[in-house]
PDB file of all heavy atoms in Angstrom:
ATOM      1  N   LYS A   1     111.229  83.019 111.479  1.00  0.00           N
ATOM      2  CA  LYS A   1     111.987  81.888 110.864  1.00  0.00           C
ATOM      3  C   LYS A   1     111.687  80.575 111.484  1.00  0.00           C
ATOM      4  O   LYS A   1     110.995  80.500 112.491  1.00  0.00           O
ATOM      5  CB  LYS A   1     113.421  82.219 110.961  1.00  0.00           C
ATOM      6  CG  LYS A   1     113.839  83.505 110.342  1.00  0.00           C
ATOM      7  CD  LYS A   1     115.272  83.516 110.177  1.00  0.00           C
ATOM      8  CE  LYS A   1     115.727  84.837 109.699  1.00  0.00           C
ATOM      9  NZ  LYS A   1     116.059  85.799 110.743  1.00  0.00           N
ATOM     10  N   ASP A   2     112.191  79.617 110.853  1.00  0.00           N
ATOM     11  CA  ASP A   2     111.817  78.289 111.408  1.00  0.00           C
ATOM     12  C   ASP A   2     112.961  77.768 112.427  1.00  0.00           C
ATOM     13  O   ASP A   2     113.067  76.633 112.847  1.00  0.00           O
ATOM     14  CB  ASP A   2     111.697  77.192 110.285  1.00  0.00           C
ATOM     15  CG  ASP A   2     112.924  77.162 109.269  1.00  0.00           C
ATOM     16  OD1 ASP A   2     113.910  77.993 109.655  1.00  0.00           O
ATOM     17  OD2 ASP A   2     112.796  76.461 108.335  1.00  0.00           O
ATOM     18  N   THR A   3     113.814  78.713 112.880  1.00  0.00           N
ATOM     19  CA  THR A   3     114.703  78.340 114.020  1.00  0.00           C
ATOM     20  C   THR A   3     114.469  79.517 115.100  1.00  0.00           C
ATOM     21  O   THR A   3     114.763  80.635 114.741  1.00  0.00           O
ATOM     22  CB  THR A   3     116.240  78.430 113.524  1.00  0.00           C
ATOM     23  OG1 THR A   3     116.394  79.661 112.850  1.00  0.00           O
ATOM     24  CG2 THR A   3     116.515  77.158 112.633  1.00  0.00           C
ATOM     25  N   GLY A   4     114.031  79.113 116.195  1.00  0.00           N
ATOM     26  CA  GLY A   4     113.786  80.049 117.267  1.00  0.00           C
ATOM     27  C   GLY A   4     114.642  81.140 117.548  1.00  0.00           C
ATOM     28  O   GLY A   4     114.137  82.313 117.557  1.00  0.00           O
ATOM     29  N   PRO A   5     115.970  80.927 117.639  1.00  0.00           N
ATOM     30  CA  PRO A   5     116.778  82.026 118.021  1.00  0.00           C
ATOM     31  C   PRO A   5     116.761  83.194 116.982  1.00  0.00           C
ATOM     32  O   PRO A   5     117.267  84.306 117.291  1.00  0.00           O
ATOM     33  CB  PRO A   5     118.274  81.312 117.939  1.00  0.00           C
ATOM     34  CG  PRO A   5     117.936  79.929 118.272  1.00  0.00           C
ATOM     35  CD  PRO A   5     116.644  79.715 117.656  1.00  0.00           C
ATOM     36  N   HIS A   6     116.236  82.977 115.807  1.00  0.00           N
ATOM     37  CA  HIS A   6     116.188  84.003 114.831  1.00  0.00           C
ATOM     38  C   HIS A   6     114.942  84.717 114.734  1.00  0.00           C
ATOM     39  O   HIS A   6     114.680  85.619 113.874  1.00  0.00           O
ATOM     40  CB  HIS A   6     116.587  83.403 113.353  1.00  0.00           C
ATOM     41  CG  HIS A   6     117.977  82.809 113.265  1.00  0.00           C
ATOM     42  ND1 HIS A   6     119.029  83.720 113.062  1.00  0.00           N
ATOM     43  CD2 HIS A   6     118.518  81.700 113.385  1.00  0.00           C
ATOM     44  CE1 HIS A   6     120.098  83.098 113.026  1.00  0.00           C
ATOM     45  NE2 HIS A   6     119.868  81.817 113.185  1.00  0.00           N
ATOM     46  N   ASP A   7     113.908  84.191 115.517  1.00  0.00           N
ATOM     47  CA  ASP A   7     112.608  84.914 115.356  1.00  0.00           C
ATOM     48  C   ASP A   7     112.698  86.360 115.908  1.00  0.00           C
ATOM     49  O   ASP A   7     113.598  86.747 116.758  1.00  0.00           O
ATOM     50  CB  ASP A   7     111.587  84.084 116.275  1.00  0.00           C
ATOM     51  CG  ASP A   7     111.241  82.789 115.604  1.00  0.00           C
ATOM     52  OD1 ASP A   7     111.304  82.763 114.395  1.00  0.00           O
ATOM     53  OD2 ASP A   7     110.681  81.925 116.283  1.00  0.00           O
ATOM     54  N   ALA A   8     111.710  87.180 115.585  1.00  0.00           N
ATOM     55  CA  ALA A   8     111.596  88.474 116.086  1.00  0.00           C
ATOM     56  C   ALA A   8     111.321  88.288 117.587  1.00  0.00           C
ATOM     57  O   ALA A   8     110.659  87.331 118.043  1.00  0.00           O
ATOM     58  CB  ALA A   8     110.503  89.280 115.351  1.00  0.00           C
ATOM     59  N   THR A   9     111.860  89.372 118.398  1.00  0.00           N
ATOM     60  CA  THR A   9     111.455  89.191 119.860  1.00  0.00           C
ATOM     61  C   THR A   9     110.163  89.669 120.140  1.00  0.00           C
ATOM     62  O   THR A   9     109.611  90.287 119.338  1.00  0.00           O
ATOM     63  CB  THR A   9     112.557  90.036 120.597  1.00  0.00           C
ATOM     64  OG1 THR A   9     112.424  91.385 120.296  1.00  0.00           O
ATOM     65  CG2 THR A   9     114.022  89.649 120.325  1.00  0.00           C
ATOM     66  N   SER A  10     109.627  89.435 121.370  1.00  0.00           N
ATOM     67  CA  SER A  10     108.298  89.931 121.725  1.00  0.00           C
ATOM     68  C   SER A  10     108.394  91.479 121.667  1.00  0.00           C
ATOM     69  O   SER A  10     107.383  92.006 121.281  1.00  0.00           O
ATOM     70  CB  SER A  10     108.001  89.488 123.170  1.00  0.00           C
ATOM     71  OG  SER A  10     107.859  88.071 123.191  1.00  0.00           O
ATOM     72  N   ASP A  11     109.412  92.115 122.119  1.00  0.00           N
ATOM     73  CA  ASP A  11     109.453  93.591 122.079  1.00  0.00           C
ATOM     74  C   ASP A  11     109.461  94.098 120.594  1.00  0.00           C
ATOM     75  O   ASP A  11     108.731  95.095 120.326  1.00  0.00           O
ATOM     76  CB  ASP A  11     110.754  94.103 122.718  1.00  0.00           C
ATOM     77  CG  ASP A  11     110.661  93.924 124.274  1.00  0.00           C
ATOM     78  OD1 ASP A  11     109.599  93.774 124.715  1.00  0.00           O
ATOM     79  OD2 ASP A  11     111.715  94.134 124.783  1.00  0.00           O
ATOM     80  N   GLN A  12     110.093  93.427 119.733  1.00  0.00           N
ATOM     81  CA  GLN A  12     110.051  93.836 118.272  1.00  0.00           C
ATOM     82  C   GLN A  12     108.676  93.640 117.711  1.00  0.00           C
ATOM     83  O   GLN A  12     108.123  94.527 116.937  1.00  0.00           O
ATOM     84  CB  GLN A  12     111.114  93.029 117.525  1.00  0.00           C
ATOM     85  CG  GLN A  12     112.531  93.455 117.774  1.00  0.00           C
ATOM     86  CD  GLN A  12     113.485  92.614 117.140  1.00  0.00           C
ATOM     87  OE1 GLN A  12     113.354  91.373 116.999  1.00  0.00           O
ATOM     88  NE2 GLN A  12     114.688  93.119 116.847  1.00  0.00           N
ATOM     89  N   ARG A  13     108.090  92.612 118.075  1.00  0.00           N
ATOM     90  CA  ARG A  13     106.699  92.387 117.547  1.00  0.00           C
ATOM     91  C   ARG A  13     105.717  93.387 118.100  1.00  0.00           C
ATOM     92  O   ARG A  13     104.798  93.916 117.351  1.00  0.00           O
ATOM     93  CB  ARG A  13     106.219  90.972 117.798  1.00  0.00           C
ATOM     94  CG  ARG A  13     106.855  89.844 116.972  1.00  0.00           C
ATOM     95  CD  ARG A  13     106.616  88.502 117.522  1.00  0.00           C
ATOM     96  NE  ARG A  13     105.113  88.139 117.478  1.00  0.00           N
ATOM     97  CZ  ARG A  13     104.441  87.736 116.445  1.00  0.00           C
ATOM     98  NH1 ARG A  13     105.033  87.558 115.239  1.00  0.00           N
ATOM     99  NH2 ARG A  13     103.153  87.447 116.427  1.00  0.00           N
ATOM    100  N   ALA A  14     105.875  93.716 119.395  1.00  0.00           N
ATOM    101  CA  ALA A  14     105.090  94.770 119.960  1.00  0.00           C
ATOM    102  C   ALA A  14     105.288  96.156 119.266  1.00  0.00           C
ATOM    103  O   ALA A  14     104.409  96.914 119.112  1.00  0.00           O
ATOM    104  CB  ALA A  14     105.425  94.802 121.421  1.00  0.00           C
ATOM    105  N   ARG A  15     106.547  96.387 118.953  1.00  0.00           N
ATOM    106  CA  ARG A  15     106.911  97.687 118.221  1.00  0.00           C
ATOM    107  C   ARG A  15     106.185  97.687 116.956  1.00  0.00           C
ATOM    108  O   ARG A  15     105.779  98.686 116.441  1.00  0.00           O
ATOM    109  CB  ARG A  15     108.419  97.944 118.139  1.00  0.00           C
ATOM    110  CG  ARG A  15     109.158  98.326 119.393  1.00  0.00           C
ATOM    111  CD  ARG A  15     110.617  98.268 119.243  1.00  0.00           C
ATOM    112  NE  ARG A  15     111.062  99.352 118.261  1.00  0.00           N
ATOM    113  CZ  ARG A  15     112.215  99.454 117.722  1.00  0.00           C
ATOM    114  NH1 ARG A  15     113.128  98.552 118.097  1.00  0.00           N
ATOM    115  NH2 ARG A  15     112.529 100.419 116.920  1.00  0.00           N
ATOM    116  N   ALA A  16     106.354  96.592 116.254  1.00  0.00           N
ATOM    117  CA  ALA A  16     105.690  96.507 114.883  1.00  0.00           C
ATOM    118  C   ALA A  16     104.187  96.713 114.936  1.00  0.00           C
ATOM    119  O   ALA A  16     103.586  97.524 114.105  1.00  0.00           O
ATOM    120  CB  ALA A  16     105.974  95.198 114.298  1.00  0.00           C
ATOM    121  N   ARG A  17     103.578  96.146 115.991  1.00  0.00           N
ATOM    122  CA  ARG A  17     102.098  96.367 116.162  1.00  0.00           C
ATOM    123  C   ARG A  17     101.800  97.862 116.505  1.00  0.00           C
ATOM    124  O   ARG A  17     100.885  98.414 115.891  1.00  0.00           O
ATOM    125  CB  ARG A  17     101.623  95.401 117.312  1.00  0.00           C
ATOM    126  CG  ARG A  17     100.124  95.772 117.588  1.00  0.00           C
ATOM    127  CD  ARG A  17      99.607  94.903 118.823  1.00  0.00           C
ATOM    128  NE  ARG A  17      98.136  95.428 118.985  1.00  0.00           N
ATOM    129  CZ  ARG A  17      97.337  94.556 119.474  1.00  0.00           C
ATOM    130  NH1 ARG A  17      97.612  93.305 119.795  1.00  0.00           N
ATOM    131  NH2 ARG A  17      96.073  95.098 119.787  1.00  0.00           N
ATOM    132  N   SER A  18     102.610  98.379 117.334  1.00  0.00           N
ATOM    133  CA  SER A  18     102.333  99.742 117.706  1.00  0.00           C
ATOM    134  C   SER A  18     102.443 100.701 116.427  1.00  0.00           C
ATOM    135  O   SER A  18     101.711 101.548 116.200  1.00  0.00           O
ATOM    136  CB  SER A  18     103.398 100.212 118.764  1.00  0.00           C
ATOM    137  OG  SER A  18     103.232 101.556 119.037  1.00  0.00           O
ATOM    138  N   LEU A  19     103.495 100.425 115.584  1.00  0.00           N
ATOM    139  CA  LEU A  19     103.724 101.232 114.413  1.00  0.00           C
ATOM    140  C   LEU A  19     102.512 101.108 113.414  1.00  0.00           C
ATOM    141  O   LEU A  19     102.051 102.005 112.778  1.00  0.00           O
ATOM    142  CB  LEU A  19     104.875 100.781 113.721  1.00  0.00           C
ATOM    143  CG  LEU A  19     106.234 101.386 114.304  1.00  0.00           C
ATOM    144  CD1 LEU A  19     107.471 100.629 113.760  1.00  0.00           C
ATOM    145  CD2 LEU A  19     106.397 102.806 113.892  1.00  0.00           C
ATOM    146  N   LEU A  20     102.025  99.853 113.219  1.00  0.00           N
ATOM    147  CA  LEU A  20     100.918  99.523 112.446  1.00  0.00           C
ATOM    148  C   LEU A  20      99.609 100.282 112.983  1.00  0.00           C
ATOM    149  O   LEU A  20      98.781 100.886 112.146  1.00  0.00           O
ATOM    150  CB  LEU A  20     100.618  98.067 112.169  1.00  0.00           C
ATOM    151  CG  LEU A  20     101.688  97.319 111.382  1.00  0.00           C
ATOM    152  CD1 LEU A  20     101.533  95.852 111.462  1.00  0.00           C
ATOM    153  CD2 LEU A  20     101.637  97.788 109.899  1.00  0.00           C
ATOM    154  N   MET A  21      99.417 100.193 114.261  1.00  0.00           N
ATOM    155  CA  MET A  21      98.252 100.817 114.775  1.00  0.00           C
ATOM    156  C   MET A  21      98.400 102.353 114.666  1.00  0.00           C
ATOM    157  O   MET A  21      97.431 103.088 114.228  1.00  0.00           O
ATOM    158  CB  MET A  21      98.097 100.493 116.244  1.00  0.00           C
ATOM    159  CG  MET A  21      97.648  98.925 116.404  1.00  0.00           C
ATOM    160  SD  MET A  21      97.154  98.631 118.215  1.00  0.00           S
ATOM    161  CE  MET A  21      95.723  99.522 118.488  1.00  0.00           C
ATOM    162  N   GLY A  22      99.592 102.934 114.728  1.00  0.00           N
ATOM    163  CA  GLY A  22      99.812 104.312 114.628  1.00  0.00           C
ATOM    164  C   GLY A  22      99.466 104.739 113.201  1.00  0.00           C
ATOM    165  O   GLY A  22      98.853 105.784 113.030  1.00  0.00           O
ATOM    166  N   VAL A  23      99.877 104.033 112.212  1.00  0.00           N
ATOM    167  CA  VAL A  23      99.484 104.263 110.828  1.00  0.00           C
ATOM    168  C   VAL A  23      98.039 104.201 110.702  1.00  0.00           C
ATOM    169  O   VAL A  23      97.472 105.168 109.973  1.00  0.00           O
ATOM    170  CB  VAL A  23     100.214 103.281 109.751  1.00  0.00           C
ATOM    171  CG1 VAL A  23      99.641 103.519 108.486  1.00  0.00           C
ATOM    172  CG2 VAL A  23     101.679 103.465 109.826  1.00  0.00           C
ATOM    173  N   ALA A  24      97.366 103.165 111.086  1.00  0.00           N
ATOM    174  CA  ALA A  24      95.902 103.157 110.890  1.00  0.00           C
ATOM    175  C   ALA A  24      95.211 104.295 111.470  1.00  0.00           C
ATOM    176  O   ALA A  24      94.151 104.825 110.922  1.00  0.00           O
ATOM    177  CB  ALA A  24      95.468 101.843 111.630  1.00  0.00           C
ATOM    178  N   LEU A  25      95.668 104.848 112.669  1.00  0.00           N
ATOM    179  CA  LEU A  25      95.015 105.929 113.284  1.00  0.00           C
ATOM    180  C   LEU A  25      95.425 107.317 112.808  1.00  0.00           C
ATOM    181  O   LEU A  25      94.891 108.295 113.124  1.00  0.00           O
ATOM    182  CB  LEU A  25      95.171 105.872 114.847  1.00  0.00           C
ATOM    183  CG  LEU A  25      94.495 104.638 115.499  1.00  0.00           C
ATOM    184  CD1 LEU A  25      95.032 104.437 116.919  1.00  0.00           C
ATOM    185  CD2 LEU A  25      93.045 104.909 115.475  1.00  0.00           C
ATOM    186  N   SER A  26      96.526 107.401 111.946  1.00  0.00           N
ATOM    187  CA  SER A  26      97.162 108.630 111.679  1.00  0.00           C
ATOM    188  C   SER A  26      96.314 109.361 110.530  1.00  0.00           C
ATOM    189  O   SER A  26      96.044 108.623 109.492  1.00  0.00           O
ATOM    190  CB  SER A  26      98.579 108.411 111.152  1.00  0.00           C
ATOM    191  OG  SER A  26      99.050 109.585 110.593  1.00  0.00           O
ATOM    192  N   THR A  27      96.019 110.570 110.703  1.00  0.00           N
ATOM    193  CA  THR A  27      95.314 111.332 109.580  1.00  0.00           C
ATOM    194  C   THR A  27      96.258 111.806 108.619  1.00  0.00           C
ATOM    195  O   THR A  27      95.997 112.315 107.558  1.00  0.00           O
ATOM    196  CB  THR A  27      94.591 112.472 110.217  1.00  0.00           C
ATOM    197  OG1 THR A  27      95.442 113.412 110.938  1.00  0.00           O
ATOM    198  CG2 THR A  27      93.498 111.979 111.036  1.00  0.00           C
ATOM    199  N   LYS A  28      97.658 111.716 108.839  1.00  0.00           N
ATOM    200  CA  LYS A  28      98.622 112.147 107.862  1.00  0.00           C
ATOM    201  C   LYS A  28      98.963 111.084 106.839  1.00  0.00           C
ATOM    202  O   LYS A  28      99.412 111.420 105.807  1.00  0.00           O
ATOM    203  CB  LYS A  28      99.916 112.559 108.658  1.00  0.00           C
ATOM    204  CG  LYS A  28      99.784 113.713 109.640  1.00  0.00           C
ATOM    205  CD  LYS A  28     101.259 114.314 110.032  1.00  0.00           C
ATOM    206  CE  LYS A  28     101.860 113.107 110.849  1.00  0.00           C
ATOM    207  NZ  LYS A  28     103.178 113.631 111.419  1.00  0.00           N
ATOM    208  N   ALA A  29      98.702 109.874 107.297  1.00  0.00           N
ATOM    209  CA  ALA A  29      99.098 108.700 106.288  1.00  0.00           C
ATOM    210  C   ALA A  29      98.157 108.557 105.185  1.00  0.00           C
ATOM    211  O   ALA A  29      97.011 108.993 105.203  1.00  0.00           O
ATOM    212  CB  ALA A  29      99.256 107.461 107.224  1.00  0.00           C
TER     213      ALA A  29
END
């Protein structure tokens, strides 16, 4: 968002990245 307090946290962005990488590497997906 355009107001800092509402942005995703660093931890949340890291979790999102981890999930996306997990999908990319998953043979089940």
